[in-house]
Amino acid sequence: MEKGAVIKHDLKKAPKTGDWGYMSPKVDKSRCSGCATCVPFCPEAAISMVKDPEAKNNKGEVSSFDYDFCKGCGVCSDVCPMKAITMQKK
């Protein structure tokens, strides 16, 4: 028996869930460490790490959100060890 699970998303078939939420995550680029802790916790797979010249970390990457699919659940904000992600009203 396999342990764990990997959810593979096909964005072409995925319904856009970002329209109904009233909160959205915002990342503070000066606080984001580029650790990507938030990425696997996102239930909609709406977070990716992208290169950013404003990043203040050694990796030069920050969290980026696909607001078409982000439903504003706030899990990313809860798991961020640097508290770089905050939830704000749309």
N, C-alpha and C. Protein backbone atom coordinates (compact mmCIF):
# COMPACT_ATOMS: atom_id res chain seq x y z
N MET A 1 0.84 -1.17 0.00
CA MET A 1 0.00 0.00 0.00
C MET A 1 0.89 1.24 0.00
N GLU A 2 0.55 2.21 -0.85
CA GLU A 2 1.31 3.46 -0.92
C GLU A 2 0.98 4.34 0.27
N LYS A 3 1.99 5.08 0.71
CA LYS A 3 1.77 6.04 1.78
C LYS A 3 1.85 7.43 1.19
N GLY A 4 0.97 8.31 1.64
CA GLY A 4 0.95 9.68 1.14
C GLY A 4 0.24 9.77 -0.19
N ALA A 5 0.16 10.97 -0.69
CA ALA A 5 -0.52 11.20 -1.96
C ALA A 5 0.08 12.42 -2.63
N VAL A 6 0.06 12.40 -3.93
CA VAL A 6 0.48 13.55 -4.71
C VAL A 6 -0.70 13.95 -5.58
N ILE A 7 -1.11 15.19 -5.43
CA ILE A 7 -2.23 15.68 -6.22
C ILE A 7 -1.66 16.38 -7.45
N LYS A 8 -2.04 15.91 -8.60
CA LYS A 8 -1.59 16.52 -9.85
C LYS A 8 -2.75 17.30 -10.44
N HIS A 9 -2.52 18.59 -10.64
CA HIS A 9 -3.57 19.46 -11.16
C HIS A 9 -3.38 19.66 -12.66
N ASP A 10 -4.47 19.60 -13.39
CA ASP A 10 -4.47 19.93 -14.81
C ASP A 10 -5.20 21.26 -14.93
N LEU A 11 -4.44 22.34 -15.07
CA LEU A 11 -5.03 23.68 -15.07
C LEU A 11 -6.02 23.90 -16.21
N LYS A 12 -5.89 23.15 -17.28
CA LYS A 12 -6.83 23.30 -18.40
C LYS A 12 -8.23 22.81 -18.03
N LYS A 13 -8.30 21.87 -17.09
CA LYS A 13 -9.58 21.31 -16.68
C LYS A 13 -10.09 21.90 -15.37
N ALA A 14 -9.25 22.63 -14.68
CA ALA A 14 -9.60 23.13 -13.35
C ALA A 14 -10.59 24.29 -13.43
N PRO A 15 -11.62 24.25 -12.57
CA PRO A 15 -12.55 25.39 -12.52
C PRO A 15 -11.87 26.56 -11.82
N LYS A 16 -12.13 27.75 -12.26
CA LYS A 16 -11.54 28.93 -11.63
C LYS A 16 -12.31 29.21 -10.34
N THR A 17 -11.59 29.14 -9.24
CA THR A 17 -12.23 29.28 -7.94
C THR A 17 -11.97 30.64 -7.31
N GLY A 18 -11.17 31.47 -7.93
CA GLY A 18 -10.78 32.73 -7.33
C GLY A 18 -11.83 33.81 -7.31
N ASP A 19 -12.95 33.62 -8.01
CA ASP A 19 -13.96 34.67 -8.08
C ASP A 19 -14.80 34.83 -6.82
N TRP A 20 -14.99 33.75 -6.06
CA TRP A 20 -15.95 33.83 -4.97
C TRP A 20 -15.34 34.23 -3.63
N GLY A 21 -14.05 34.19 -3.47
CA GLY A 21 -13.44 34.54 -2.18
C GLY A 21 -13.47 36.04 -1.94
N TYR A 22 -13.43 36.43 -0.68
CA TYR A 22 -13.40 37.86 -0.38
C TYR A 22 -12.05 38.29 0.20
N MET A 23 -11.16 37.33 0.46
CA MET A 23 -9.81 37.62 0.95
C MET A 23 -8.80 37.14 -0.08
N SER A 24 -7.66 37.79 -0.10
CA SER A 24 -6.59 37.33 -0.99
C SER A 24 -5.25 37.51 -0.29
N PRO A 25 -4.31 36.61 -0.57
CA PRO A 25 -3.00 36.69 0.06
C PRO A 25 -2.12 37.74 -0.62
N LYS A 26 -1.34 38.41 0.18
CA LYS A 26 -0.35 39.36 -0.32
C LYS A 26 0.97 38.99 0.33
N VAL A 27 2.04 39.01 -0.46
CA VAL A 27 3.36 38.65 0.08
C VAL A 27 4.20 39.91 0.28
N ASP A 28 4.85 39.99 1.42
CA ASP A 28 5.79 41.06 1.71
C ASP A 28 7.15 40.56 1.22
N LYS A 29 7.60 41.08 0.10
CA LYS A 29 8.83 40.60 -0.53
C LYS A 29 10.06 40.80 0.35
N SER A 30 9.99 41.76 1.24
CA SER A 30 11.14 41.99 2.12
C SER A 30 11.23 40.95 3.23
N ARG A 31 10.14 40.25 3.50
CA ARG A 31 10.13 39.23 4.56
C ARG A 31 10.19 37.81 4.02
N CYS A 32 9.77 37.59 2.77
CA CYS A 32 9.74 36.25 2.18
C CYS A 32 11.16 35.69 2.08
N SER A 33 11.37 34.51 2.67
CA SER A 33 12.70 33.89 2.65
C SER A 33 12.90 32.99 1.43
N GLY A 34 11.86 32.79 0.63
CA GLY A 34 11.97 31.93 -0.54
C GLY A 34 11.97 30.45 -0.19
N CYS A 35 11.52 30.10 1.01
CA CYS A 35 11.57 28.72 1.48
C CYS A 35 10.56 27.80 0.79
N ALA A 36 9.51 28.36 0.21
CA ALA A 36 8.46 27.61 -0.50
C ALA A 36 7.64 26.70 0.41
N THR A 37 7.62 26.97 1.69
CA THR A 37 6.80 26.19 2.61
C THR A 37 5.33 26.27 2.24
N CYS A 38 4.90 27.41 1.75
CA CYS A 38 3.49 27.62 1.41
C CYS A 38 3.02 26.80 0.21
N VAL A 39 3.91 26.51 -0.71
CA VAL A 39 3.54 25.88 -1.99
C VAL A 39 2.82 24.55 -1.82
N PRO A 40 3.35 23.58 -1.09
CA PRO A 40 2.65 22.29 -1.01
C PRO A 40 1.37 22.32 -0.17
N PHE A 41 1.18 23.35 0.63
CA PHE A 41 -0.01 23.44 1.48
C PHE A 41 -1.22 24.03 0.76
N CYS A 42 -1.02 24.68 -0.37
CA CYS A 42 -2.12 25.32 -1.09
C CYS A 42 -3.06 24.27 -1.67
N PRO A 43 -4.34 24.25 -1.23
CA PRO A 43 -5.26 23.24 -1.74
C PRO A 43 -5.63 23.42 -3.21
N GLU A 44 -5.39 24.58 -3.76
CA GLU A 44 -5.71 24.84 -5.17
C GLU A 44 -4.48 24.87 -6.06
N ALA A 45 -3.30 24.61 -5.50
CA ALA A 45 -2.03 24.67 -6.24
C ALA A 45 -1.89 26.02 -6.95
N ALA A 46 -2.23 27.09 -6.23
CA ALA A 46 -2.23 28.43 -6.82
C ALA A 46 -0.98 29.24 -6.47
N ILE A 47 0.01 28.60 -5.85
CA ILE A 47 1.22 29.30 -5.45
C ILE A 47 2.41 28.70 -6.18
N SER A 48 3.26 29.58 -6.68
CA SER A 48 4.53 29.15 -7.27
C SER A 48 5.61 30.11 -6.80
N MET A 49 6.83 29.67 -6.91
CA MET A 49 7.97 30.52 -6.55
C MET A 49 8.51 31.12 -7.85
N VAL A 50 8.70 32.44 -7.85
CA VAL A 50 9.19 33.12 -9.04
C VAL A 50 10.38 34.00 -8.70
N LYS A 51 11.26 34.14 -9.66
CA LYS A 51 12.40 35.06 -9.50
C LYS A 51 11.86 36.48 -9.43
N ASP A 52 12.42 37.26 -8.52
CA ASP A 52 11.97 38.63 -8.36
C ASP A 52 13.16 39.50 -7.95
N PRO A 53 13.42 40.57 -8.70
CA PRO A 53 14.57 41.43 -8.36
C PRO A 53 14.40 42.14 -7.01
N GLU A 54 13.16 42.23 -6.51
CA GLU A 54 12.90 42.87 -5.23
C GLU A 54 13.04 41.91 -4.05
N ALA A 55 13.29 40.64 -4.33
CA ALA A 55 13.42 39.65 -3.26
C ALA A 55 14.62 39.98 -2.39
N LYS A 56 14.44 39.86 -1.09
CA LYS A 56 15.49 40.19 -0.13
C LYS A 56 16.13 38.94 0.46
N ASN A 57 16.04 37.82 -0.26
CA ASN A 57 16.61 36.58 0.25
C ASN A 57 17.69 36.06 -0.69
N ASN A 58 18.44 35.07 -0.26
CA ASN A 58 19.56 34.52 -1.04
C ASN A 58 19.09 33.81 -2.31
N LYS A 59 17.90 33.29 -2.31
CA LYS A 59 17.39 32.55 -3.47
C LYS A 59 16.89 33.47 -4.57
N GLY A 60 16.54 34.69 -4.23
CA GLY A 60 16.02 35.63 -5.22
C GLY A 60 14.63 35.29 -5.71
N GLU A 61 13.91 34.49 -4.92
CA GLU A 61 12.56 34.08 -5.28
C GLU A 61 11.56 34.49 -4.20
N VAL A 62 10.34 34.72 -4.62
CA VAL A 62 9.24 35.00 -3.69
C VAL A 62 8.01 34.22 -4.14
N SER A 63 7.06 34.09 -3.23
CA SER A 63 5.80 33.42 -3.54
C SER A 63 4.99 34.28 -4.49
N SER A 64 4.37 33.62 -5.45
CA SER A 64 3.50 34.29 -6.41
C SER A 64 2.17 33.54 -6.44
N PHE A 65 1.08 34.27 -6.50
CA PHE A 65 -0.25 33.67 -6.42
C PHE A 65 -0.99 33.81 -7.74
N ASP A 66 -1.65 32.73 -8.14
CA ASP A 66 -2.53 32.75 -9.30
C ASP A 66 -3.93 33.03 -8.77
N TYR A 67 -4.35 34.29 -8.85
CA TYR A 67 -5.61 34.71 -8.26
C TYR A 67 -6.83 34.17 -9.00
N ASP A 68 -6.65 33.60 -10.19
CA ASP A 68 -7.77 32.93 -10.86
C ASP A 68 -8.19 31.69 -10.09
N PHE A 69 -7.23 31.07 -9.41
CA PHE A 69 -7.50 29.81 -8.71
C PHE A 69 -7.45 29.93 -7.18
N CYS A 70 -6.83 30.97 -6.66
CA CYS A 70 -6.75 31.17 -5.21
C CYS A 70 -8.14 31.49 -4.67
N LYS A 71 -8.59 30.71 -3.69
CA LYS A 71 -9.91 30.95 -3.12
C LYS A 71 -9.85 31.75 -1.82
N GLY A 72 -8.66 32.14 -1.42
CA GLY A 72 -8.52 32.99 -0.25
C GLY A 72 -8.70 32.28 1.08
N CYS A 73 -8.30 31.02 1.16
CA CYS A 73 -8.51 30.23 2.37
C CYS A 73 -7.58 30.63 3.51
N GLY A 74 -6.41 31.16 3.19
CA GLY A 74 -5.48 31.63 4.21
C GLY A 74 -4.51 30.60 4.75
N VAL A 75 -4.51 29.40 4.20
CA VAL A 75 -3.59 28.37 4.67
C VAL A 75 -2.14 28.82 4.47
N CYS A 76 -1.86 29.45 3.35
CA CYS A 76 -0.49 29.91 3.07
C CYS A 76 -0.02 30.89 4.14
N SER A 77 -0.90 31.76 4.57
CA SER A 77 -0.58 32.74 5.60
C SER A 77 -0.30 32.04 6.94
N ASP A 78 -1.07 31.01 7.22
CA ASP A 78 -0.90 30.28 8.48
C ASP A 78 0.42 29.51 8.55
N VAL A 79 0.86 28.94 7.42
CA VAL A 79 2.06 28.10 7.45
C VAL A 79 3.36 28.86 7.17
N CYS A 80 3.27 30.10 6.75
CA CYS A 80 4.48 30.86 6.42
C CYS A 80 5.31 31.10 7.69
N PRO A 81 6.53 30.54 7.75
CA PRO A 81 7.34 30.70 8.96
C PRO A 81 7.85 32.13 9.16
N MET A 82 7.90 32.92 8.12
CA MET A 82 8.39 34.30 8.20
C MET A 82 7.26 35.30 8.38
N LYS A 83 6.02 34.81 8.34
CA LYS A 83 4.83 35.68 8.40
C LYS A 83 4.88 36.75 7.31
N ALA A 84 5.35 36.33 6.13
CA ALA A 84 5.46 37.23 4.98
C ALA A 84 4.17 37.31 4.19
N ILE A 85 3.26 36.38 4.42
CA ILE A 85 1.99 36.35 3.69
C ILE A 85 0.87 36.79 4.63
N THR A 86 0.14 37.79 4.22
CA THR A 86 -1.00 38.27 4.99
C THR A 86 -2.24 38.20 4.11
N MET A 87 -3.37 38.04 4.76
CA MET A 87 -4.64 38.00 4.05
C MET A 87 -5.28 39.39 4.10
N GLN A 88 -5.72 39.87 2.93
CA GLN A 88 -6.34 41.17 2.82
C GLN A 88 -7.64 41.06 2.06
N LYS A 89 -8.59 41.95 2.39
CA LYS A 89 -9.84 41.95 1.65
C LYS A 89 -9.57 42.37 0.21
N LYS A 90 -10.31 41.76 -0.71
CA LYS A 90 -10.15 42.09 -2.14
C LYS A 90 -10.63 43.48 -2.42
